[in-house]
């Protein structure tokens, strides 16, 4: 099994479980790279935000929700971040844009680190949306 490209902290997983219960629908992330919301991981219910060939699936988180939570990123941004491991975390503050955690008083953030050489060699290819 290859190295994971994305993971989640327990604090962020707890918020996802709460959001899943509140909204009653499977969740997803799209790693934003736009000018208006910086590099915030945007959380949505699955369905309204459509992914396509311009997006790649970084991986699926297992935060204790009934189903995995996919994490998508635009192909263009992935080119910059393909050498990094991303950890979804949470902090106090209001979320940006349309991310559903906004009213909770918390916002999702990312923490990243470079892959070690051994991890880079074991990475699996990503798939498009």
C-alpha atoms as a PDB file:
ATOM      1  CA  UNK A   1       0.000   0.000   0.000  1.00  0.00           C
ATOM      2  CA  UNK A   2       1.314   3.439  -0.943  1.00  0.00           C
ATOM      3  CA  UNK A   3       1.793   6.509   1.190  1.00  0.00           C
ATOM      4  CA  UNK A   4      -1.328   8.512   1.933  1.00  0.00           C
ATOM      5  CA  UNK A   5      -1.571  11.982   0.434  1.00  0.00           C
ATOM      6  CA  UNK A   6      -4.085  13.276   2.985  1.00  0.00           C
ATOM      7  CA  UNK A   7      -4.992  12.665   6.629  1.00  0.00           C
ATOM      8  CA  UNK A   8      -7.074  14.306   9.355  1.00  0.00           C
ATOM      9  CA  UNK A   9      -6.578  15.273  12.988  1.00  0.00           C
ATOM     10  CA  UNK A  10      -8.942  13.938  15.638  1.00  0.00           C
ATOM     11  CA  UNK A  11     -10.276  17.465  16.280  1.00  0.00           C
ATOM     12  CA  UNK A  12     -11.160  17.916  12.598  1.00  0.00           C
ATOM     13  CA  UNK A  13     -12.655  14.405  12.492  1.00  0.00           C
ATOM     14  CA  UNK A  14     -14.905  15.294  15.446  1.00  0.00           C
ATOM     15  CA  UNK A  15     -16.145  18.390  13.602  1.00  0.00           C
ATOM     16  CA  UNK A  16     -16.819  16.303  10.475  1.00  0.00           C
ATOM     17  CA  UNK A  17     -18.849  13.811  12.509  1.00  0.00           C
ATOM     18  CA  UNK A  18     -20.879  16.688  13.949  1.00  0.00           C
ATOM     19  CA  UNK A  19     -21.429  18.239  10.497  1.00  0.00           C
ATOM     20  CA  UNK A  20     -22.415  14.859   9.046  1.00  0.00           C
ATOM     21  CA  UNK A  21     -25.005  14.412  11.785  1.00  0.00           C
ATOM     22  CA  UNK A  22     -26.287  17.988  11.444  1.00  0.00           C
ATOM     23  CA  UNK A  23     -26.629  17.921   7.637  1.00  0.00           C
ATOM     24  CA  UNK A  24     -27.611  14.263   7.267  1.00  0.00           C
ATOM     25  CA  UNK A  25     -25.610  13.857   4.046  1.00  0.00           C
ATOM     26  CA  UNK A  26     -22.185  12.536   3.049  1.00  0.00           C
ATOM     27  CA  UNK A  27     -19.450  15.176   3.061  1.00  0.00           C
ATOM     28  CA  UNK A  28     -16.493  16.036   0.849  1.00  0.00           C
ATOM     29  CA  UNK A  29     -13.584  18.482   0.755  1.00  0.00           C
ATOM     30  CA  UNK A  30     -12.235  20.479  -2.134  1.00  0.00           C
ATOM     31  CA  UNK A  31      -8.831  22.008  -1.512  1.00  0.00           C
ATOM     32  CA  UNK A  32      -9.271  25.544  -2.652  1.00  0.00           C
ATOM     33  CA  UNK A  33      -6.611  27.640  -4.277  1.00  0.00           C
ATOM     34  CA  UNK A  34      -8.636  30.671  -5.264  1.00  0.00           C
ATOM     35  CA  UNK A  35      -7.935  34.287  -4.447  1.00  0.00           C
ATOM     36  CA  UNK A  36     -10.967  34.783  -2.235  1.00  0.00           C
ATOM     37  CA  UNK A  37     -10.464  31.956   0.242  1.00  0.00           C
ATOM     38  CA  UNK A  38      -6.708  31.374   0.102  1.00  0.00           C
ATOM     39  CA  UNK A  39      -5.793  27.744   0.561  1.00  0.00           C
ATOM     40  CA  UNK A  40      -8.700  26.726   2.748  1.00  0.00           C
ATOM     41  CA  UNK A  41     -10.075  23.196   2.526  1.00  0.00           C
ATOM     42  CA  UNK A  42     -13.715  23.778   1.681  1.00  0.00           C
ATOM     43  CA  UNK A  43     -16.206  21.293   3.147  1.00  0.00           C
ATOM     44  CA  UNK A  44     -19.455  20.604   1.307  1.00  0.00           C
ATOM     45  CA  UNK A  45     -22.191  18.025   1.320  1.00  0.00           C
ATOM     46  CA  UNK A  46     -21.646  15.682  -1.599  1.00  0.00           C
ATOM     47  CA  UNK A  47     -23.637  16.575  -4.684  1.00  0.00           C
ATOM     48  CA  UNK A  48     -23.878  20.371  -4.969  1.00  0.00           C
ATOM     49  CA  UNK A  49     -20.146  20.808  -5.672  1.00  0.00           C
ATOM     50  CA  UNK A  50     -19.335  18.901  -8.837  1.00  0.00           C
ATOM     51  CA  UNK A  51     -15.863  17.628  -9.594  1.00  0.00           C
ATOM     52  CA  UNK A  52     -14.626  16.996 -13.105  1.00  0.00           C
ATOM     53  CA  UNK A  53     -11.574  16.267 -15.197  1.00  0.00           C
ATOM     54  CA  UNK A  54      -9.920  19.428 -13.837  1.00  0.00           C
ATOM     55  CA  UNK A  55      -9.915  17.898 -10.308  1.00  0.00           C
ATOM     56  CA  UNK A  56      -7.991  15.018  -8.778  1.00  0.00           C
ATOM     57  CA  UNK A  57      -8.860  12.876  -5.782  1.00  0.00           C
ATOM     58  CA  UNK A  58      -6.139  13.152  -3.128  1.00  0.00           C
ATOM     59  CA  UNK A  59      -7.679  10.454  -0.994  1.00  0.00           C
ATOM     60  CA  UNK A  60     -10.546   9.557   1.284  1.00  0.00           C
ATOM     61  CA  UNK A  61     -10.643  10.350   4.988  1.00  0.00           C
ATOM     62  CA  UNK A  62     -12.211   7.966   7.496  1.00  0.00           C
ATOM     63  CA  UNK A  63     -13.235  10.291  10.342  1.00  0.00           C
ATOM     64  CA  UNK A  64     -15.885   8.005  11.837  1.00  0.00           C
ATOM     65  CA  UNK A  65     -18.704   9.139   9.555  1.00  0.00           C
ATOM     66  CA  UNK A  66     -20.920   6.471   7.956  1.00  0.00           C
ATOM     67  CA  UNK A  67     -18.923   6.833   4.717  1.00  0.00           C
ATOM     68  CA  UNK A  68     -15.435   8.044   3.767  1.00  0.00           C
ATOM     69  CA  UNK A  69     -14.960  11.758   3.057  1.00  0.00           C
ATOM     70  CA  UNK A  70     -13.244  12.326  -0.312  1.00  0.00           C
ATOM     71  CA  UNK A  71     -10.690  15.122  -0.615  1.00  0.00           C
ATOM     72  CA  UNK A  72     -10.390  16.735  -4.054  1.00  0.00           C
ATOM     73  CA  UNK A  73      -7.964  19.337  -5.393  1.00  0.00           C
ATOM     74  CA  UNK A  74      -7.766  21.112  -8.725  1.00  0.00           C
ATOM     75  CA  UNK A  75      -5.299  19.497 -11.109  1.00  0.00           C
ATOM     76  CA  UNK A  76      -3.452  22.827 -11.505  1.00  0.00           C
ATOM     77  CA  UNK A  77      -2.977  23.197  -7.744  1.00  0.00           C
ATOM     78  CA  UNK A  78      -2.070  19.526  -7.404  1.00  0.00           C
ATOM     79  CA  UNK A  79       0.916  20.160  -9.688  1.00  0.00           C
ATOM     80  CA  UNK A  80       2.269  22.502  -7.001  1.00  0.00           C
ATOM     81  CA  UNK A  81       1.365  20.297  -4.051  1.00  0.00           C
ATOM     82  CA  UNK A  82       2.047  16.815  -5.444  1.00  0.00           C
ATOM     83  CA  UNK A  83       5.174  16.508  -3.276  1.00  0.00           C
ATOM     84  CA  UNK A  84       3.361  17.303  -0.004  1.00  0.00           C
ATOM     85  CA  UNK A  85       1.293  15.403   2.519  1.00  0.00           C
ATOM     86  CA  UNK A  86      -1.794  17.364   3.588  1.00  0.00           C
ATOM     87  CA  UNK A  87      -3.367  17.098   7.032  1.00  0.00           C
ATOM     88  CA  UNK A  88      -6.845  18.549   7.497  1.00  0.00           C
ATOM     89  CA  UNK A  89      -7.067  20.286  10.879  1.00  0.00           C
ATOM     90  CA  UNK A  90      -9.437  22.746  12.538  1.00  0.00           C
ATOM     91  CA  UNK A  91      -9.033  26.005  14.416  1.00  0.00           C
ATOM     92  CA  UNK A  92     -11.282  28.538  16.092  1.00  0.00           C
ATOM     93  CA  UNK A  93     -12.598  31.149  13.680  1.00  0.00           C
ATOM     94  CA  UNK A  94     -15.116  31.639  10.949  1.00  0.00           C
ATOM     95  CA  UNK A  95     -14.746  29.616   7.756  1.00  0.00           C
ATOM     96  CA  UNK A  96     -14.441  31.239   4.353  1.00  0.00           C
ATOM     97  CA  UNK A  97     -16.697  31.054   1.337  1.00  0.00           C
ATOM     98  CA  UNK A  98     -19.384  28.410   1.300  1.00  0.00           C
ATOM     99  CA  UNK A  99     -17.667  25.835   3.515  1.00  0.00           C
ATOM    100  CA  UNK A 100     -20.363  24.366   5.770  1.00  0.00           C
ATOM    101  CA  UNK A 101     -18.455  24.609   9.056  1.00  0.00           C
ATOM    102  CA  UNK A 102     -18.725  28.438   9.044  1.00  0.00           C
ATOM    103  CA  UNK A 103     -21.604  28.733  11.548  1.00  0.00           C
ATOM    104  CA  UNK A 104     -19.834  26.374  13.989  1.00  0.00           C
ATOM    105  CA  UNK A 105     -17.295  29.005  15.050  1.00  0.00           C
ATOM    106  CA  UNK A 106     -14.489  26.837  13.674  1.00  0.00           C
ATOM    107  CA  UNK A 107     -12.783  26.568  10.317  1.00  0.00           C
ATOM    108  CA  UNK A 108     -10.884  23.834   8.596  1.00  0.00           C
ATOM    109  CA  UNK A 109      -7.232  24.506   7.803  1.00  0.00           C
ATOM    110  CA  UNK A 110      -4.481  22.458   6.239  1.00  0.00           C
ATOM    111  CA  UNK A 111      -1.054  21.600   7.511  1.00  0.00           C
ATOM    112  CA  UNK A 112       1.444  20.255   5.032  1.00  0.00           C
ATOM    113  CA  UNK A 113       4.847  18.638   4.977  1.00  0.00           C
ATOM    114  CA  UNK A 114       7.096  17.378   2.217  1.00  0.00           C
ATOM    115  CA  UNK A 115       7.006  13.671   1.530  1.00  0.00           C
ATOM    116  CA  UNK A 116      10.097  11.689   2.471  1.00  0.00           C
ATOM    117  CA  UNK A 117      11.860  10.053  -0.480  1.00  0.00           C
ATOM    118  CA  UNK A 118      10.487   6.630   0.501  1.00  0.00           C
ATOM    119  CA  UNK A 119       6.945   8.006   0.603  1.00  0.00           C
ATOM    120  CA  UNK A 120       7.308   9.692  -2.785  1.00  0.00           C
ATOM    121  CA  UNK A 121       8.372   6.382  -4.331  1.00  0.00           C
ATOM    122  CA  UNK A 122       5.326   4.592  -2.891  1.00  0.00           C
ATOM    123  CA  UNK A 123       2.647   7.138  -3.901  1.00  0.00           C
ATOM    124  CA  UNK A 124      -0.236   5.787  -5.921  1.00  0.00           C
ATOM    125  CA  UNK A 125      -1.462   7.746  -8.969  1.00  0.00           C
ATOM    126  CA  UNK A 126      -4.378  10.101  -8.420  1.00  0.00           C
ATOM    127  CA  UNK A 127      -7.626   9.846 -10.355  1.00  0.00           C
ATOM    128  CA  UNK A 128      -9.661  12.579 -11.982  1.00  0.00           C
ATOM    129  CA  UNK A 129     -13.201  13.544 -11.036  1.00  0.00           C
END
